[in-house]
Protein backbone atom coordinates (compact mmCIF):
# COMPACT_ATOMS: atom_id res chain seq x y z
CA MET A 1 -17.55 -14.49 -34.36
CA LYS A 2 -14.03 -15.48 -33.89
CA LEU A 3 -13.03 -13.70 -37.21
CA GLN A 4 -15.11 -10.38 -35.74
CA SER A 5 -13.14 -10.65 -32.65
CA SER A 6 -9.92 -10.99 -34.18
CA TYR A 7 -10.70 -7.72 -36.10
CA LEU A 8 -11.91 -5.97 -32.94
CA ALA A 9 -8.34 -6.84 -30.79
CA ASP A 10 -6.20 -5.72 -34.19
CA PHE A 11 -8.29 -2.09 -34.07
CA ILE A 12 -7.40 -2.19 -30.63
CA SER A 13 -4.08 -2.41 -30.67
CA LEU A 14 -4.18 0.14 -33.13
CA LEU A 15 -5.62 2.64 -30.87
CA PHE A 16 -3.66 1.38 -27.87
CA PRO A 17 -0.51 -0.93 -28.82
CA GLU A 18 0.93 -2.96 -26.50
CA LEU A 19 4.46 -1.31 -25.69
CA CYS A 20 7.26 -3.31 -24.80
CA GLN A 21 8.66 -2.45 -20.81
CA ALA A 22 12.25 -2.34 -21.99
CA CYS A 23 12.59 0.35 -24.59
CA GLY A 24 8.75 1.53 -25.08
CA GLN A 25 8.50 0.75 -28.69
CA SER A 26 5.28 -1.17 -29.95
CA LEU A 27 4.99 -4.66 -29.58
CA ASN A 28 4.54 -7.29 -32.50
CA LYS A 29 1.54 -9.76 -31.80
CA GLN A 30 3.69 -12.91 -31.48
CA GLU A 31 5.56 -10.83 -28.61
CA ASP A 32 5.10 -10.10 -24.84
CA ILE A 33 6.16 -7.41 -22.47
CA ILE A 34 9.47 -7.42 -23.65
CA CYS A 35 10.30 -7.12 -27.49
CA THR A 36 12.86 -9.66 -29.50
CA ALA A 37 15.22 -6.70 -29.88
CA CYS A 38 15.15 -6.21 -26.10
CA LEU A 39 15.18 -9.93 -24.98
CA TYR A 40 18.31 -10.54 -27.34
CA ASP A 41 19.73 -7.49 -26.29
CA LEU A 42 19.58 -7.18 -22.27
CA PRO A 43 22.73 -6.73 -20.35
CA TYR A 44 22.71 -10.63 -19.08
CA THR A 45 25.28 -11.48 -16.43
CA GLU A 46 25.95 -15.37 -17.16
CA PHE A 47 26.54 -15.81 -13.33
CA HIS A 48 24.73 -19.15 -13.49
CA LEU A 49 27.95 -20.17 -15.26
CA THR A 50 30.39 -20.19 -12.44
CA ASN A 51 30.51 -19.37 -8.53
CA ASP A 52 33.28 -16.51 -8.57
CA HIS A 53 31.97 -13.67 -9.08
CA ILE A 54 30.25 -9.75 -8.18
CA VAL A 55 27.15 -11.25 -6.31
CA ALA A 56 28.96 -14.01 -4.58
CA GLN A 57 31.56 -11.85 -3.47
CA GLN A 58 29.19 -9.78 -1.75
CA PHE A 59 28.69 -12.12 1.12
CA TRP A 60 32.26 -14.03 1.18
CA GLY A 61 33.01 -13.64 5.18
CA LYS A 62 29.65 -12.56 5.83
CA ILE A 63 27.31 -15.47 5.55
CA LYS A 64 27.50 -19.17 4.19
CA VAL A 65 25.84 -19.01 0.83
CA GLN A 66 25.88 -22.16 -1.51
CA ASN A 67 25.32 -20.35 -5.03
CA SER A 68 24.88 -16.88 -5.14
CA TYR A 69 23.11 -15.57 -9.10
CA ALA A 70 21.67 -12.69 -10.66
CA VAL A 71 19.90 -12.32 -14.38
CA LEU A 72 21.01 -8.98 -15.31
CA TYR A 73 23.30 -6.32 -14.39
CA PHE A 74 21.39 -3.16 -13.45
CA THR A 75 23.19 0.17 -14.96
CA LYS A 76 20.89 3.93 -14.17
CA GLY A 77 19.55 5.27 -17.45
CA GLY A 78 19.47 1.98 -18.82
CA LYS A 79 16.84 -1.02 -19.73
CA VAL A 80 16.76 -2.62 -16.86
CA GLN A 81 16.17 0.27 -14.64
CA HIS A 82 13.59 1.29 -17.19
CA LEU A 83 12.11 -2.45 -16.56
CA MET A 84 12.66 -2.07 -12.89
CA HIS A 85 10.21 0.69 -12.40
CA GLN A 86 7.57 -0.51 -14.58
CA PHE A 87 7.56 -3.63 -12.25
CA LYS A 88 7.70 -1.98 -9.55
CA TYR A 89 5.56 1.02 -9.43
CA LYS A 90 3.63 0.86 -12.25
CA GLY A 91 1.93 -2.62 -11.27
CA GLN A 92 3.61 -4.63 -14.19
CA GLN A 93 4.19 -7.98 -12.33
CA LYS A 94 4.11 -9.87 -15.80
CA ILE A 95 7.54 -8.24 -15.96
CA GLY A 96 8.71 -10.17 -12.78
CA ASN A 97 7.34 -13.12 -13.71
CA LEU A 98 8.73 -13.45 -17.11
CA LEU A 99 12.31 -12.59 -15.60
CA GLY A 100 11.97 -15.26 -13.50
CA ARG A 101 11.11 -18.00 -16.30
CA LEU A 102 14.38 -16.43 -17.69
CA ALA A 103 16.49 -16.98 -14.40
CA GLY A 104 14.61 -20.50 -13.64
CA GLN A 105 15.53 -21.57 -17.82
CA GLN A 106 19.78 -20.53 -17.05
CA LEU A 107 19.58 -22.21 -14.05
CA LEU A 108 18.14 -25.50 -14.74
CA SER A 109 21.69 -25.63 -16.39
CA ASN A 110 23.65 -25.15 -13.84
CA PRO A 111 23.04 -28.82 -11.25
CA GLU A 112 24.46 -26.78 -7.97
CA PHE A 113 20.54 -25.61 -8.12
CA SER A 114 19.22 -28.48 -8.97
CA THR A 115 18.94 -29.31 -5.29
CA VAL A 116 17.14 -26.20 -4.04
CA ASP A 117 13.83 -27.45 -2.15
CA LEU A 118 12.03 -24.16 -1.20
CA ILE A 119 12.29 -20.61 -3.17
CA ILE A 120 11.40 -18.11 -0.46
CA PRO A 121 11.13 -14.13 -1.73
CA VAL A 122 12.56 -11.53 0.70
CA PRO A 123 8.97 -10.51 2.58
CA LEU A 124 7.58 -6.73 2.12
CA HIS A 125 6.29 -5.06 5.25
CA LYS A 126 2.72 -5.06 5.87
CA SER A 127 2.59 -1.35 5.04
CA ARG A 128 4.19 -1.41 1.88
CA MET A 129 2.68 -4.46 0.71
CA LYS A 130 -0.86 -2.54 1.50
CA MET A 131 0.98 0.19 -0.14
CA ARG A 132 2.10 -1.62 -3.46
CA GLY A 133 -0.15 -4.41 -3.49
CA TYR A 134 1.90 -7.05 -4.76
CA ASN A 135 5.72 -8.58 -3.52
CA GLN A 136 7.41 -7.79 -6.86
CA SER A 137 10.15 -10.67 -5.30
CA LYS A 138 7.50 -12.93 -5.14
CA CYS A 139 6.09 -12.16 -8.60
CA PHE A 140 9.86 -13.41 -9.36
CA ALA A 141 10.32 -16.17 -7.58
CA GLU A 142 6.91 -17.47 -8.94
CA GLY A 143 8.61 -17.58 -12.33
CA ILE A 144 12.07 -19.38 -11.25
CA GLY A 145 9.42 -21.91 -9.41
CA GLU A 146 7.75 -22.19 -12.75
CA LYS A 147 10.71 -23.89 -14.54
CA LEU A 148 12.63 -25.41 -11.56
CA ASN A 149 8.89 -26.87 -10.84
CA LEU A 150 9.77 -25.62 -7.44
CA PRO A 151 7.20 -24.63 -4.43
CA VAL A 152 7.18 -20.35 -3.45
CA SER A 153 6.91 -19.83 0.17
CA ASP A 154 5.85 -16.30 1.29
CA ASP A 155 4.49 -16.76 4.90
CA ASN A 156 7.05 -18.17 6.51
CA LEU A 157 9.68 -15.43 6.31
CA LEU A 158 8.34 -12.03 7.79
CA ARG A 159 9.64 -8.32 7.65
CA ILE A 160 8.66 -7.45 11.66
CA LYS A 161 10.07 -3.95 10.79
CA ALA A 162 9.56 -1.25 8.70
CA THR A 163 12.46 -0.01 7.14
CA GLU A 164 13.57 3.39 5.09
CA THR A 165 14.32 3.06 1.55
CA GLN A 166 17.81 1.94 1.11
CA THR A 167 18.76 3.49 -1.93
CA LYS A 168 21.22 6.64 -0.54
CA LYS A 169 22.46 4.83 2.36
CA SER A 170 26.10 3.52 2.73
CA ARG A 171 27.15 -0.03 3.28
CA ILE A 172 27.92 0.31 7.06
CA MET A 173 24.13 2.11 6.88
CA ARG A 174 22.34 -0.04 4.71
CA PHE A 175 23.66 -2.90 7.23
CA GLU A 176 22.46 -0.98 10.98
CA ASN A 177 19.02 -0.12 9.09
CA MET A 178 18.65 -4.55 8.74
CA LYS A 179 18.96 -5.26 12.05
CA GLU A 180 15.60 -7.26 13.95
CA VAL A 181 13.92 -6.98 10.94
CA PHE A 182 12.53 -9.93 9.33
CA MET A 183 12.10 -13.32 11.61
CA LEU A 184 10.90 -17.33 11.18
CA LYS A 185 7.56 -17.76 12.22
CA ASN A 186 7.58 -21.31 11.40
CA PRO A 187 11.59 -22.46 11.41
CA SER A 188 11.42 -26.19 12.22
CA ILE A 189 9.60 -26.77 8.97
CA LEU A 190 13.16 -25.57 6.99
CA THR A 191 14.96 -27.97 8.95
CA ASN A 192 17.73 -29.37 6.31
CA LYS A 193 16.68 -27.85 3.53
CA HIS A 194 18.24 -25.98 0.61
CA ILE A 195 16.61 -22.48 -0.13
CA LEU A 196 16.71 -20.37 -2.64
CA LEU A 197 15.89 -16.45 -1.37
CA VAL A 198 15.43 -14.57 -3.85
CA ASP A 199 14.88 -10.27 -4.70
CA ASP A 200 14.95 -7.88 -7.51
CA ILE A 201 18.10 -6.39 -6.91
CA VAL A 202 21.27 -6.78 -4.98
CA THR A 203 23.93 -3.95 -4.47
CA THR A 204 25.37 -4.28 -0.98
CA GLY A 205 23.28 -7.44 -0.02
CA SER A 206 22.32 -5.94 3.55
CA THR A 207 18.66 -7.25 2.89
CA LEU A 208 19.52 -10.59 1.64
CA GLU A 209 22.55 -10.85 4.71
CA ALA A 210 20.01 -10.24 7.12
CA CYS A 211 17.54 -12.65 5.84
CA GLY A 212 19.76 -15.01 5.23
CA ASN A 213 21.17 -14.28 9.01
CA VAL A 214 17.56 -15.76 10.20
CA LEU A 215 17.31 -18.48 7.75
CA LEU A 216 20.57 -19.77 8.79
CA ALA A 217 19.98 -20.25 12.11
CA VAL A 218 17.84 -23.13 11.33
CA GLU A 219 19.71 -26.21 12.00
CA GLY A 220 21.32 -27.88 9.05
CA LEU A 221 19.70 -25.22 6.34
CA LYS A 222 21.46 -24.72 2.98
CA LEU A 223 20.96 -21.32 1.48
CA SER A 224 21.43 -20.24 -1.86
CA ILE A 225 20.62 -16.51 -3.58
CA ALA A 226 18.88 -15.33 -6.67
CA THR A 227 18.18 -11.40 -7.35
CA ILE A 228 16.71 -10.38 -11.05
CA ALA A 229 19.40 -7.63 -10.90
CA TYR A 230 23.08 -6.41 -9.67
CA ALA A 231 23.49 -2.86 -9.28
CA GLU A 232 27.36 -1.81 -8.65
């Protein structure tokens, strides 16, 4: 029976091959989601090795961030853009989990992230959540949490105001767009905690800054940030 099942699986894979979500080529049996070649060739930032990098600079003089990090560089037309499109708009939630595990593995080598108590994903507004069906930042957060053995909280930090897309807005317009968008339902449970706030892509950092301002209003809270990709 097991042999027959194996033959059936092989036959189905010939008709409907699993494709790499980065390059679109067929995956081998031992590969999952992203092919070995793409995993090796993705534009990793190595930001976990230093605190002086472009993502950290996004928050200098704005909010107090202990540590910041992005796994990948995002470029238009590149593999990371294709990955993020599949992840956010084609229901490929497993991409976020995989990239979260990759991020968590890197962060294990940075002792400054070892004091994190809790991971909080940037929330979606309920209208966007209903339309998409899942929060991509939570998928990423869960992958990190799996590697770092940390809990993920997605029901305390809330997005109470729907906002327009940030894609074509200037830095100032993005900041104005994010005013009074987020709130904490129960801030007291975060007192004196080190929080890792995670999002999918950071460009100007306005969304993360808005979330950070709400979180940093909690007594004794320390804030670190992690994202899947940095886009210039």
